[in-house]
Amino acid sequence: GDHSLTQGLKGDPTYLVVNDEGKIDNFGINAVCTHLGCVVPWNPTEKKFKCPCHGSQYNAQGRVVRGPAPLSLALAHADINPDTDIVTFTPWTEQDF
């Protein structure tokens, strides 16, 4: 799948996730590292997010797999309007997937 950076909730950089079937997943991943707030780029070769500031790593769903980040990346619901194909992010209120 692919991860494309977009503008999410409150203007935060948020990844739109395209799955292996070519469809947009129903969640976005906030790109702000939970350690000190750097923007975390997606590494397509390794299929994970790698923070350039202090080395934190997150899996394809934004879960922290290597610190120093204390928490996983924040999620947002990604709702697609079928008539316009416009994606709207809304707050993720659940605890986890």
C-alpha atoms as a PDB file:
ATOM      1  CA  GLY A   1       0.000   0.000   0.000  1.00  0.00           C
ATOM      2  CA  ASP A   2       0.859   3.647  -0.269  1.00  0.00           C
ATOM      3  CA  HIS A   3       0.895   6.445   2.300  1.00  0.00           C
ATOM      4  CA  SER A   4       0.328   9.968   0.959  1.00  0.00           C
ATOM      5  CA  LEU A   5       0.752  13.048   3.137  1.00  0.00           C
ATOM      6  CA  THR A   6      -2.309  15.316   3.341  1.00  0.00           C
ATOM      7  CA  GLN A   7      -3.663  18.040   5.617  1.00  0.00           C
ATOM      8  CA  GLY A   8      -5.564  16.447   8.485  1.00  0.00           C
ATOM      9  CA  LEU A   9      -7.343  17.552  11.631  1.00  0.00           C
ATOM     10  CA  LYS A  10      -6.257  20.958  12.972  1.00  0.00           C
ATOM     11  CA  GLY A  11      -3.961  21.267   9.945  1.00  0.00           C
ATOM     12  CA  ASP A  12      -1.662  18.469  11.134  1.00  0.00           C
ATOM     13  CA  PRO A  13       0.130  16.485   8.425  1.00  0.00           C
ATOM     14  CA  THR A  14      -1.796  13.226   8.105  1.00  0.00           C
ATOM     15  CA  TYR A  15      -1.160  10.203   5.920  1.00  0.00           C
ATOM     16  CA  LEU A  16      -3.938   8.929   3.698  1.00  0.00           C
ATOM     17  CA  VAL A  17      -3.471   5.154   3.498  1.00  0.00           C
ATOM     18  CA  VAL A  18      -4.062   3.280   0.232  1.00  0.00           C
ATOM     19  CA  ASN A  19      -4.217  -0.474   0.817  1.00  0.00           C
ATOM     20  CA  ASP A  20      -2.808  -3.228  -1.403  1.00  0.00           C
ATOM     21  CA  GLU A  21      -6.125  -3.426  -3.299  1.00  0.00           C
ATOM     22  CA  GLY A  22      -5.746   0.239  -4.302  1.00  0.00           C
ATOM     23  CA  LYS A  23      -8.554   1.477  -2.041  1.00  0.00           C
ATOM     24  CA  ILE A  24      -8.299   4.228   0.558  1.00  0.00           C
ATOM     25  CA  ASP A  25      -8.424   2.815   4.086  1.00  0.00           C
ATOM     26  CA  ASN A  26     -10.990   4.216   6.516  1.00  0.00           C
ATOM     27  CA  PHE A  27      -8.334   5.807   8.727  1.00  0.00           C
ATOM     28  CA  GLY A  28      -5.552   8.352   8.421  1.00  0.00           C
ATOM     29  CA  ILE A  29      -2.320   8.437  10.421  1.00  0.00           C
ATOM     30  CA  ASN A  30      -1.086  11.670  12.001  1.00  0.00           C
ATOM     31  CA  ALA A  31       2.518  12.244  10.878  1.00  0.00           C
ATOM     32  CA  VAL A  32       3.639  14.058  14.060  1.00  0.00           C
ATOM     33  CA  CYS A  33       6.059  11.952  16.121  1.00  0.00           C
ATOM     34  CA  THR A  34       4.872  11.377  19.684  1.00  0.00           C
ATOM     35  CA  HIS A  35       8.406  11.912  21.029  1.00  0.00           C
ATOM     36  CA  LEU A  36       9.180  15.563  20.245  1.00  0.00           C
ATOM     37  CA  GLY A  37       6.859  16.471  17.368  1.00  0.00           C
ATOM     38  CA  CYS A  38       8.966  15.947  14.250  1.00  0.00           C
ATOM     39  CA  VAL A  39       7.135  15.014  11.048  1.00  0.00           C
ATOM     40  CA  VAL A  40       7.698  11.312  10.444  1.00  0.00           C
ATOM     41  CA  PRO A  41       8.193  10.268   6.806  1.00  0.00           C
ATOM     42  CA  TRP A  42       6.891   6.989   5.378  1.00  0.00           C
ATOM     43  CA  ASN A  43       9.687   4.663   4.220  1.00  0.00           C
ATOM     44  CA  PRO A  44       8.168   2.597   1.383  1.00  0.00           C
ATOM     45  CA  THR A  45      11.186   0.271   1.117  1.00  0.00           C
ATOM     46  CA  GLU A  46      10.964  -0.786   4.771  1.00  0.00           C
ATOM     47  CA  LYS A  47       7.172  -0.287   4.944  1.00  0.00           C
ATOM     48  CA  LYS A  48       7.301   1.742   8.145  1.00  0.00           C
ATOM     49  CA  PHE A  49       7.496   5.302   9.412  1.00  0.00           C
ATOM     50  CA  LYS A  50      10.971   6.403  10.557  1.00  0.00           C
ATOM     51  CA  CYS A  51      11.500   9.617  12.483  1.00  0.00           C
ATOM     52  CA  PRO A  52      14.601  11.474  11.254  1.00  0.00           C
ATOM     53  CA  CYS A  53      15.047  13.341  14.550  1.00  0.00           C
ATOM     54  CA  HIS A  54      15.665  10.628  17.156  1.00  0.00           C
ATOM     55  CA  GLY A  55      15.054   7.312  15.360  1.00  0.00           C
ATOM     56  CA  SER A  56      11.563   6.340  16.515  1.00  0.00           C
ATOM     57  CA  GLN A  57       9.876   3.842  14.203  1.00  0.00           C
ATOM     58  CA  TYR A  58       6.224   3.003  13.613  1.00  0.00           C
ATOM     59  CA  ASN A  59       4.621   0.188  11.626  1.00  0.00           C
ATOM     60  CA  ALA A  60       2.309   0.723   8.627  1.00  0.00           C
ATOM     61  CA  GLN A  61      -0.671   1.328  10.958  1.00  0.00           C
ATOM     62  CA  GLY A  62       1.237   3.893  13.063  1.00  0.00           C
ATOM     63  CA  ARG A  63       1.979   1.660  16.057  1.00  0.00           C
ATOM     64  CA  VAL A  64       5.312   2.426  17.728  1.00  0.00           C
ATOM     65  CA  VAL A  65       7.814  -0.399  17.210  1.00  0.00           C
ATOM     66  CA  ARG A  66      10.971   1.389  18.370  1.00  0.00           C
ATOM     67  CA  GLY A  67      11.428   4.289  20.788  1.00  0.00           C
ATOM     68  CA  PRO A  68      12.106   6.787  22.127  1.00  0.00           C
ATOM     69  CA  ALA A  69       8.510   7.627  21.093  1.00  0.00           C
ATOM     70  CA  PRO A  70       6.219   6.779  24.021  1.00  0.00           C
ATOM     71  CA  LEU A  71       2.994   6.364  22.015  1.00  0.00           C
ATOM     72  CA  SER A  72       1.761   5.266  18.623  1.00  0.00           C
ATOM     73  CA  LEU A  73       0.898   7.875  16.001  1.00  0.00           C
ATOM     74  CA  ALA A  74      -2.586   9.362  16.374  1.00  0.00           C
ATOM     75  CA  LEU A  75      -5.325   8.084  14.071  1.00  0.00           C
ATOM     76  CA  ALA A  76      -8.242   9.847  12.401  1.00  0.00           C
ATOM     77  CA  HIS A  77     -11.265   8.410  10.614  1.00  0.00           C
ATOM     78  CA  ALA A  78     -11.088   8.927   6.852  1.00  0.00           C
ATOM     79  CA  ASP A  79     -14.560   9.201   5.343  1.00  0.00           C
ATOM     80  CA  ILE A  80     -14.899   9.273   1.557  1.00  0.00           C
ATOM     81  CA  ASN A  81     -17.852  10.996  -0.100  1.00  0.00           C
ATOM     82  CA  PRO A  82     -18.854   8.584  -2.907  1.00  0.00           C
ATOM     83  CA  ASP A  83     -20.264  11.406  -5.052  1.00  0.00           C
ATOM     84  CA  THR A  84     -17.255  13.715  -4.938  1.00  0.00           C
ATOM     85  CA  ASP A  85     -14.388  11.393  -3.849  1.00  0.00           C
ATOM     86  CA  ILE A  86     -13.486  14.015  -1.231  1.00  0.00           C
ATOM     87  CA  VAL A  87     -11.899  12.581   1.913  1.00  0.00           C
ATOM     88  CA  THR A  88     -12.823  14.108   5.258  1.00  0.00           C
ATOM     89  CA  PHE A  89     -10.946  13.334   8.466  1.00  0.00           C
ATOM     90  CA  THR A  90     -12.861  13.111  11.752  1.00  0.00           C
ATOM     91  CA  PRO A  91     -11.515  12.491  15.266  1.00  0.00           C
ATOM     92  CA  TRP A  92     -10.650   8.923  16.286  1.00  0.00           C
ATOM     93  CA  THR A  93     -12.366   8.339  19.601  1.00  0.00           C
ATOM     94  CA  GLU A  94     -11.766   4.598  19.966  1.00  0.00           C
ATOM     95  CA  GLN A  95      -8.895   3.295  22.092  1.00  0.00           C
ATOM     96  CA  ASP A  96      -7.324   1.255  19.299  1.00  0.00           C
ATOM     97  CA  PHE A  97      -8.126  -0.622  16.066  1.00  0.00           C
END
